[in-house]
Amino acid sequence: ALYLLERKAPGQGVEVRVAPWGAIKILDGPASDPHNLTPPDVIELEPEVWMRLACGLTTWAEEKDAGHISAVGERDNLSALLPV
């Protein structure tokens, strides 16, 4: 599912982390800071939350309101890209 999101929205501007499964960078925008390799926008999800979103079982707003999504940066909403 992370691979599908990466193919759907290529770029280096937002890092999506689903630990311990993996992390990808998506969407155009400023790339990683050369000193810490982290882009300005970072989204962290638990695996079960990611799978619910990727499969369309729940919405971004529902998971965000429940406190299941940690998102920092201007592009902290992936609802337009989900489900994959």
PDB file of N, CA and C in Angstrom:
ATOM      1  N   ALA A   1       0.828  -1.199   0.000  1.00  0.00           N
ATOM      2  CA  ALA A   1       0.000   0.000   0.000  1.00  0.00           C
ATOM      3  C   ALA A   1       0.871   1.262   0.000  1.00  0.00           C
ATOM      4  N   LEU A   2       2.001   1.234   0.704  1.00  0.00           N
ATOM      5  CA  LEU A   2       2.913   2.383   0.664  1.00  0.00           C
ATOM      6  C   LEU A   2       3.476   2.571  -0.746  1.00  0.00           C
ATOM      7  N   TYR A   3       3.808   1.485  -1.383  1.00  0.00           N
ATOM      8  CA  TYR A   3       4.315   1.546  -2.749  1.00  0.00           C
ATOM      9  C   TYR A   3       3.280   2.185  -3.678  1.00  0.00           C
ATOM     10  N   LEU A   4       2.034   1.793  -3.530  1.00  0.00           N
ATOM     11  CA  LEU A   4       0.975   2.360  -4.370  1.00  0.00           C
ATOM     12  C   LEU A   4       0.827   3.858  -4.150  1.00  0.00           C
ATOM     13  N   LEU A   5       0.921   4.301  -2.898  1.00  0.00           N
ATOM     14  CA  LEU A   5       0.846   5.736  -2.610  1.00  0.00           C
ATOM     15  C   LEU A   5       2.033   6.466  -3.225  1.00  0.00           C
ATOM     16  N   GLU A   6       3.199   5.871  -3.129  1.00  0.00           N
ATOM     17  CA  GLU A   6       4.409   6.466  -3.700  1.00  0.00           C
ATOM     18  C   GLU A   6       4.291   6.614  -5.211  1.00  0.00           C
ATOM     19  N   ARG A   7       3.691   5.642  -5.879  1.00  0.00           N
ATOM     20  CA  ARG A   7       3.496   5.706  -7.325  1.00  0.00           C
ATOM     21  C   ARG A   7       2.417   6.725  -7.697  1.00  0.00           C
ATOM     22  N   LYS A   8       1.426   6.862  -6.843  1.00  0.00           N
ATOM     23  CA  LYS A   8       0.304   7.770  -7.097  1.00  0.00           C
ATOM     24  C   LYS A   8       0.705   9.234  -6.940  1.00  0.00           C
ATOM     25  N   ALA A   9       1.638   9.512  -6.027  1.00  0.00           N
ATOM     26  CA  ALA A   9       2.015  10.897  -5.721  1.00  0.00           C
ATOM     27  C   ALA A   9       3.527  11.019  -5.553  1.00  0.00           C
ATOM     28  N   PRO A  10       4.288  10.832  -6.632  1.00  0.00           N
ATOM     29  CA  PRO A  10       5.747  10.872  -6.509  1.00  0.00           C
ATOM     30  C   PRO A  10       6.254  12.251  -6.094  1.00  0.00           C
ATOM     31  N   GLY A  11       7.365  12.262  -5.421  1.00  0.00           N
ATOM     32  CA  GLY A  11       7.999  13.507  -5.005  1.00  0.00           C
ATOM     33  C   GLY A  11       8.833  13.311  -3.763  1.00  0.00           C
ATOM     34  N   GLN A  12       9.369  14.406  -3.260  1.00  0.00           N
ATOM     35  CA  GLN A  12      10.254  14.359  -2.092  1.00  0.00           C
ATOM     36  C   GLN A  12       9.807  15.286  -0.972  1.00  0.00           C
ATOM     37  N   GLY A  13       8.591  15.838  -1.048  1.00  0.00           N
ATOM     38  CA  GLY A  13       8.181  16.879  -0.120  1.00  0.00           C
ATOM     39  C   GLY A  13       7.547  16.435   1.178  1.00  0.00           C
ATOM     40  N   VAL A  14       6.984  15.221   1.227  1.00  0.00           N
ATOM     41  CA  VAL A  14       6.300  14.740   2.422  1.00  0.00           C
ATOM     42  C   VAL A  14       6.792  13.333   2.718  1.00  0.00           C
ATOM     43  N   GLU A  15       7.178  13.097   3.965  1.00  0.00           N
ATOM     44  CA  GLU A  15       7.569  11.751   4.362  1.00  0.00           C
ATOM     45  C   GLU A  15       6.415  11.104   5.104  1.00  0.00           C
ATOM     46  N   VAL A  16       6.024   9.920   4.667  1.00  0.00           N
ATOM     47  CA  VAL A  16       4.964   9.142   5.316  1.00  0.00           C
ATOM     48  C   VAL A  16       5.641   7.960   5.986  1.00  0.00           C
ATOM     49  N   ARG A  17       5.487   7.875   7.304  1.00  0.00           N
ATOM     50  CA  ARG A  17       6.117   6.806   8.079  1.00  0.00           C
ATOM     51  C   ARG A  17       5.061   5.873   8.655  1.00  0.00           C
ATOM     52  N   VAL A  18       5.231   4.593   8.387  1.00  0.00           N
ATOM     53  CA  VAL A  18       4.381   3.561   8.965  1.00  0.00           C
ATOM     54  C   VAL A  18       5.328   2.551   9.614  1.00  0.00           C
ATOM     55  N   ALA A  19       5.719   2.848  10.825  1.00  0.00           N
ATOM     56  CA  ALA A  19       6.704   2.004  11.524  1.00  0.00           C
ATOM     57  C   ALA A  19       6.030   0.765  12.081  1.00  0.00           C
ATOM     58  N   PRO A  20       6.661  -0.362  12.007  1.00  0.00           N
ATOM     59  CA  PRO A  20       8.013  -0.621  11.487  1.00  0.00           C
ATOM     60  C   PRO A  20       8.033  -1.028  10.017  1.00  0.00           C
ATOM     61  N   TRP A  21       6.920  -0.867   9.296  1.00  0.00           N
ATOM     62  CA  TRP A  21       6.823  -1.344   7.925  1.00  0.00           C
ATOM     63  C   TRP A  21       7.677  -0.578   6.933  1.00  0.00           C
ATOM     64  N   GLY A  22       7.733   0.738   7.077  1.00  0.00           N
ATOM     65  CA  GLY A  22       8.511   1.497   6.119  1.00  0.00           C
ATOM     66  C   GLY A  22       8.191   2.971   6.134  1.00  0.00           C
ATOM     67  N   ALA A  23       8.909   3.694   5.303  1.00  0.00           N
ATOM     68  CA  ALA A  23       8.714   5.134   5.139  1.00  0.00           C
ATOM     69  C   ALA A  23       8.938   5.468   3.664  1.00  0.00           C
ATOM     70  N   ILE A  24       8.114   6.363   3.158  1.00  0.00           N
ATOM     71  CA  ILE A  24       8.247   6.793   1.770  1.00  0.00           C
ATOM     72  C   ILE A  24       8.188   8.313   1.716  1.00  0.00           C
ATOM     73  N   LYS A  25       8.671   8.853   0.620  1.00  0.00           N
ATOM     74  CA  LYS A  25       8.550  10.286   0.367  1.00  0.00           C
ATOM     75  C   LYS A  25       7.643  10.461  -0.840  1.00  0.00           C
ATOM     76  N   ILE A  26       6.702  11.418  -0.701  1.00  0.00           N
ATOM     77  CA  ILE A  26       5.721  11.659  -1.756  1.00  0.00           C
ATOM     78  C   ILE A  26       5.527  13.152  -1.970  1.00  0.00           C
ATOM     79  N   LEU A  27       4.817  13.504  -2.990  1.00  0.00           N
ATOM     80  CA  LEU A  27       4.399  14.870  -3.325  1.00  0.00           C
ATOM     81  C   LEU A  27       5.576  15.807  -3.594  1.00  0.00           C
ATOM     82  N   ASP A  28       5.358  16.687  -4.531  1.00  0.00           N
ATOM     83  CA  ASP A  28       6.362  17.699  -4.835  1.00  0.00           C
ATOM     84  C   ASP A  28       6.466  18.680  -3.690  1.00  0.00           C
ATOM     85  N   GLY A  29       7.595  19.302  -3.586  1.00  0.00           N
ATOM     86  CA  GLY A  29       7.808  20.294  -2.551  1.00  0.00           C
ATOM     87  C   GLY A  29       9.264  20.324  -2.153  1.00  0.00           C
ATOM     88  N   PRO A  30       9.570  21.111  -1.143  1.00  0.00           N
ATOM     89  CA  PRO A  30      10.960  21.190  -0.693  1.00  0.00           C
ATOM     90  C   PRO A  30      11.468  19.814  -0.285  1.00  0.00           C
ATOM     91  N   ALA A  31      12.665  19.505  -0.712  1.00  0.00           N
ATOM     92  CA  ALA A  31      13.268  18.215  -0.375  1.00  0.00           C
ATOM     93  C   ALA A  31      13.810  18.239   1.047  1.00  0.00           C
ATOM     94  N   SER A  32      14.397  17.144   1.439  1.00  0.00           N
ATOM     95  CA  SER A  32      14.958  17.002   2.777  1.00  0.00           C
ATOM     96  C   SER A  32      16.028  18.026   3.060  1.00  0.00           C
ATOM     97  N   ASP A  33      16.107  18.423   4.313  1.00  0.00           N
ATOM     98  CA  ASP A  33      17.205  19.254   4.785  1.00  0.00           C
ATOM     99  C   ASP A  33      18.471  18.410   4.669  1.00  0.00           C
ATOM    100  N   PRO A  34      19.529  18.944   4.064  1.00  0.00           N
ATOM    101  CA  PRO A  34      20.739  18.123   3.865  1.00  0.00           C
ATOM    102  C   PRO A  34      21.391  17.681   5.173  1.00  0.00           C
ATOM    103  N   HIS A  35      21.041  18.319   6.276  1.00  0.00           N
ATOM    104  CA  HIS A  35      21.668  17.962   7.549  1.00  0.00           C
ATOM    105  C   HIS A  35      20.947  16.848   8.283  1.00  0.00           C
ATOM    106  N   ASN A  36      19.618  16.744   8.141  1.00  0.00           N
ATOM    107  CA  ASN A  36      18.922  15.689   8.877  1.00  0.00           C
ATOM    108  C   ASN A  36      18.113  14.752   7.985  1.00  0.00           C
ATOM    109  N   LEU A  37      18.076  14.988   6.693  1.00  0.00           N
ATOM    110  CA  LEU A  37      17.428  14.133   5.699  1.00  0.00           C
ATOM    111  C   LEU A  37      15.922  13.972   5.877  1.00  0.00           C
ATOM    112  N   THR A  38      15.284  14.828   6.655  1.00  0.00           N
ATOM    113  CA  THR A  38      13.840  14.772   6.858  1.00  0.00           C
ATOM    114  C   THR A  38      13.186  15.946   6.140  1.00  0.00           C
ATOM    115  N   PRO A  39      12.172  15.684   5.312  1.00  0.00           N
ATOM    116  CA  PRO A  39      11.483  16.785   4.646  1.00  0.00           C
ATOM    117  C   PRO A  39      10.690  17.621   5.653  1.00  0.00           C
ATOM    118  N   PRO A  40      10.255  18.805   5.256  1.00  0.00           N
ATOM    119  CA  PRO A  40       9.542  19.680   6.191  1.00  0.00           C
ATOM    120  C   PRO A  40       8.184  19.133   6.628  1.00  0.00           C
ATOM    121  N   ASP A  41       7.589  18.239   5.857  1.00  0.00           N
ATOM    122  CA  ASP A  41       6.289  17.664   6.197  1.00  0.00           C
ATOM    123  C   ASP A  41       6.462  16.178   6.498  1.00  0.00           C
ATOM    124  N   VAL A  42       6.017  15.764   7.687  1.00  0.00           N
ATOM    125  CA  VAL A  42       6.150  14.373   8.109  1.00  0.00           C
ATOM    126  C   VAL A  42       4.816  13.888   8.664  1.00  0.00           C
ATOM    127  N   ILE A  43       4.409  12.709   8.219  1.00  0.00           N
ATOM    128  CA  ILE A  43       3.169  12.086   8.689  1.00  0.00           C
ATOM    129  C   ILE A  43       3.526  10.713   9.231  1.00  0.00           C
ATOM    130  N   GLU A  44       3.075  10.435  10.470  1.00  0.00           N
ATOM    131  CA  GLU A  44       3.349   9.142  11.083  1.00  0.00           C
ATOM    132  C   GLU A  44       2.043   8.438  11.413  1.00  0.00           C
ATOM    133  N   LEU A  45       1.991   7.149  11.061  1.00  0.00           N
ATOM    134  CA  LEU A  45       0.794   6.340  11.265  1.00  0.00           C
ATOM    135  C   LEU A  45       1.179   4.973  11.816  1.00  0.00           C
ATOM    136  N   GLU A  46       0.322   4.409  12.646  1.00  0.00           N
ATOM    137  CA  GLU A  46       0.478   3.025  13.074  1.00  0.00           C
ATOM    138  C   GLU A  46       0.036   2.139  11.902  1.00  0.00           C
ATOM    139  N   PRO A  47       0.574   0.919  11.799  1.00  0.00           N
ATOM    140  CA  PRO A  47       0.217   0.041  10.682  1.00  0.00           C
ATOM    141  C   PRO A  47      -1.279  -0.199  10.522  1.00  0.00           C
ATOM    142  N   GLU A  48      -1.994  -0.413  11.617  1.00  0.00           N
ATOM    143  CA  GLU A  48      -3.426  -0.689  11.492  1.00  0.00           C
ATOM    144  C   GLU A  48      -4.200   0.541  11.002  1.00  0.00           C
ATOM    145  N   VAL A  49      -3.758   1.721  11.396  1.00  0.00           N
ATOM    146  CA  VAL A  49      -4.390   2.957  10.924  1.00  0.00           C
ATOM    147  C   VAL A  49      -4.128   3.111   9.422  1.00  0.00           C
ATOM    148  N   TRP A  50      -2.892   2.889   9.021  1.00  0.00           N
ATOM    149  CA  TRP A  50      -2.536   3.000   7.611  1.00  0.00           C
ATOM    150  C   TRP A  50      -3.367   2.047   6.755  1.00  0.00           C
ATOM    151  N   MET A  51      -3.532   0.809   7.196  1.00  0.00           N
ATOM    152  CA  MET A  51      -4.288  -0.159   6.408  1.00  0.00           C
ATOM    153  C   MET A  51      -5.761   0.220   6.306  1.00  0.00           C
ATOM    154  N   ARG A  52      -6.330   0.737   7.395  1.00  0.00           N
ATOM    155  CA  ARG A  52      -7.734   1.189   7.323  1.00  0.00           C
ATOM    156  C   ARG A  52      -7.891   2.308   6.301  1.00  0.00           C
ATOM    157  N   LEU A  53      -6.946   3.259   6.300  1.00  0.00           N
ATOM    158  CA  LEU A  53      -6.998   4.375   5.357  1.00  0.00           C
ATOM    159  C   LEU A  53      -6.747   3.907   3.926  1.00  0.00           C
ATOM    160  N   ALA A  54      -5.724   3.089   3.741  1.00  0.00           N
ATOM    161  CA  ALA A  54      -5.355   2.626   2.405  1.00  0.00           C
ATOM    162  C   ALA A  54      -6.470   1.818   1.755  1.00  0.00           C
ATOM    163  N   CYS A  55      -7.228   1.085   2.558  1.00  0.00           N
ATOM    164  CA  CYS A  55      -8.315   0.248   2.042  1.00  0.00           C
ATOM    165  C   CYS A  55      -9.652   0.970   1.979  1.00  0.00           C
ATOM    166  N   GLY A  56      -9.715   2.183   2.505  1.00  0.00           N
ATOM    167  CA  GLY A  56     -10.959   2.943   2.471  1.00  0.00           C
ATOM    168  C   GLY A  56     -11.952   2.536   3.550  1.00  0.00           C
ATOM    169  N   LEU A  57     -11.487   1.883   4.599  1.00  0.00           N
ATOM    170  CA  LEU A  57     -12.375   1.473   5.686  1.00  0.00           C
ATOM    171  C   LEU A  57     -12.717   2.621   6.622  1.00  0.00           C
ATOM    172  N   THR A  58     -11.889   3.653   6.594  1.00  0.00           N
ATOM    173  CA  THR A  58     -12.095   4.837   7.418  1.00  0.00           C
ATOM    174  C   THR A  58     -11.566   6.043   6.645  1.00  0.00           C
ATOM    175  N   THR A  59     -11.844   7.240   7.144  1.00  0.00           N
ATOM    176  CA  THR A  59     -11.390   8.448   6.447  1.00  0.00           C
ATOM    177  C   THR A  59     -10.270   9.123   7.218  1.00  0.00           C
ATOM    178  N   TRP A  60      -9.569   9.991   6.512  1.00  0.00           N
ATOM    179  CA  TRP A  60      -8.496  10.762   7.126  1.00  0.00           C
ATOM    180  C   TRP A  60      -9.043  11.575   8.299  1.00  0.00           C
ATOM    181  N   ALA A  61     -10.175  12.228   8.092  1.00  0.00           N
ATOM    182  CA  ALA A  61     -10.770  13.068   9.141  1.00  0.00           C
ATOM    183  C   ALA A  61     -11.110  12.248  10.378  1.00  0.00           C
ATOM    184  N   GLU A  62     -11.668  11.061  10.175  1.00  0.00           N
ATOM    185  CA  GLU A  62     -12.016  10.207  11.322  1.00  0.00           C
ATOM    186  C   GLU A  62     -10.779   9.810  12.117  1.00  0.00           C
ATOM    187  N   GLU A  63      -9.741   9.403  11.418  1.00  0.00           N
ATOM    188  CA  GLU A  63      -8.507   8.978  12.103  1.00  0.00           C
ATOM    189  C   GLU A  63      -7.800  10.166  12.761  1.00  0.00           C
ATOM    190  N   LYS A  64      -7.807  11.307  12.091  1.00  0.00           N
ATOM    191  CA  LYS A  64      -7.175  12.512  12.650  1.00  0.00           C
ATOM    192  C   LYS A  64      -7.922  12.962  13.902  1.00  0.00           C
ATOM    193  N   ASP A  65      -9.246  12.991  13.834  1.00  0.00           N
ATOM    194  CA  ASP A  65     -10.055  13.404  14.985  1.00  0.00           C
ATOM    195  C   ASP A  65      -9.890  12.455  16.165  1.00  0.00           C
ATOM    196  N   ALA A  66      -9.634  11.187  15.885  1.00  0.00           N
ATOM    197  CA  ALA A  66      -9.443  10.191  16.944  1.00  0.00           C
ATOM    198  C   ALA A  66      -8.024  10.235  17.520  1.00  0.00           C
ATOM    199  N   GLY A  67      -7.155  11.072  16.931  1.00  0.00           N
ATOM    200  CA  GLY A  67      -5.785  11.192  17.426  1.00  0.00           C
ATOM    201  C   GLY A  67      -4.858  10.084  16.955  1.00  0.00           C
ATOM    202  N   HIS A  68      -5.217   9.415  15.854  1.00  0.00           N
ATOM    203  CA  HIS A  68      -4.421   8.304  15.354  1.00  0.00           C
ATOM    204  C   HIS A  68      -3.375   8.708  14.322  1.00  0.00           C
ATOM    205  N   ILE A  69      -3.325   9.990  13.973  1.00  0.00           N
ATOM    206  CA  ILE A  69      -2.389  10.470  12.960  1.00  0.00           C
ATOM    207  C   ILE A  69      -1.538  11.583  13.559  1.00  0.00           C
ATOM    208  N   SER A  70      -0.231  11.439  13.408  1.00  0.00           N
ATOM    209  CA  SER A  70       0.694  12.504  13.790  1.00  0.00           C
ATOM    210  C   SER A  70       1.183  13.141  12.498  1.00  0.00           C
ATOM    211  N   ALA A  71       0.867  14.427  12.300  1.00  0.00           N
ATOM    212  CA  ALA A  71       1.229  15.098  11.059  1.00  0.00           C
ATOM    213  C   ALA A  71       1.780  16.489  11.358  1.00  0.00           C
ATOM    214  N   VAL A  72       2.955  16.768  10.774  1.00  0.00           N
ATOM    215  CA  VAL A  72       3.617  18.052  10.965  1.00  0.00           C
ATOM    216  C   VAL A  72       3.907  18.647   9.597  1.00  0.00           C
ATOM    217  N   GLY A  73       3.563  19.900   9.412  1.00  0.00           N
ATOM    218  CA  GLY A  73       3.861  20.580   8.164  1.00  0.00           C
ATOM    219  C   GLY A  73       2.612  21.103   7.489  1.00  0.00           C
ATOM    220  N   GLU A  74       2.822  21.812   6.399  1.00  0.00           N
ATOM    221  CA  GLU A  74       1.721  22.426   5.666  1.00  0.00           C
ATOM    222  C   GLU A  74       0.855  21.391   4.958  1.00  0.00           C
ATOM    223  N   ARG A  75       1.478  20.322   4.481  1.00  0.00           N
ATOM    224  CA  ARG A  75       0.729  19.274   3.767  1.00  0.00           C
ATOM    225  C   ARG A  75       0.515  18.092   4.703  1.00  0.00           C
ATOM    226  N   ASP A  76      -0.402  18.273   5.644  1.00  0.00           N
ATOM    227  CA  ASP A  76      -0.622  17.256   6.673  1.00  0.00           C
ATOM    228  C   ASP A  76      -1.935  16.517   6.487  1.00  0.00           C
ATOM    229  N   ASN A  77      -2.443  16.509   5.255  1.00  0.00           N
ATOM    230  CA  ASN A  77      -3.710  15.854   4.979  1.00  0.00           C
ATOM    231  C   ASN A  77      -3.591  15.090   3.658  1.00  0.00           C
ATOM    232  N   LEU A  78      -3.709  13.784   3.731  1.00  0.00           N
ATOM    233  CA  LEU A  78      -3.595  12.946   2.534  1.00  0.00           C
ATOM    234  C   LEU A  78      -4.941  12.439   2.043  1.00  0.00           C
ATOM    235  N   SER A  79      -6.029  13.042   2.516  1.00  0.00           N
ATOM    236  CA  SER A  79      -7.357  12.532   2.176  1.00  0.00           C
ATOM    237  C   SER A  79      -7.610  12.484   0.672  1.00  0.00           C
ATOM    238  N   ALA A  80      -7.029  13.387  -0.085  1.00  0.00           N
ATOM    239  CA  ALA A  80      -7.243  13.392  -1.540  1.00  0.00           C
ATOM    240  C   ALA A  80      -6.570  12.214  -2.230  1.00  0.00           C
ATOM    241  N   LEU A  81      -5.629  11.563  -1.552  1.00  0.00           N
ATOM    242  CA  LEU A  81      -4.887  10.451  -2.144  1.00  0.00           C
ATOM    243  C   LEU A  81      -5.371   9.087  -1.667  1.00  0.00           C
ATOM    244  N   LEU A  82      -6.313   9.075  -0.754  1.00  0.00           N
ATOM    245  CA  LEU A  82      -6.759   7.822  -0.150  1.00  0.00           C
ATOM    246  C   LEU A  82      -8.210   7.538  -0.489  1.00  0.00           C
ATOM    247  N   PRO A  83      -8.611   6.275  -0.587  1.00  0.00           N
ATOM    248  CA  PRO A  83      -7.777   5.071  -0.490  1.00  0.00           C
ATOM    249  C   PRO A  83      -6.899   4.895  -1.731  1.00  0.00           C
ATOM    250  N   VAL A  84      -5.890   4.065  -1.592  1.00  0.00           N
ATOM    251  CA  VAL A  84      -4.972   3.822  -2.705  1.00  0.00           C
ATOM    252  C   VAL A  84      -5.454   2.635  -3.503  1.00  0.00           C
TER     253      VAL A  84
END
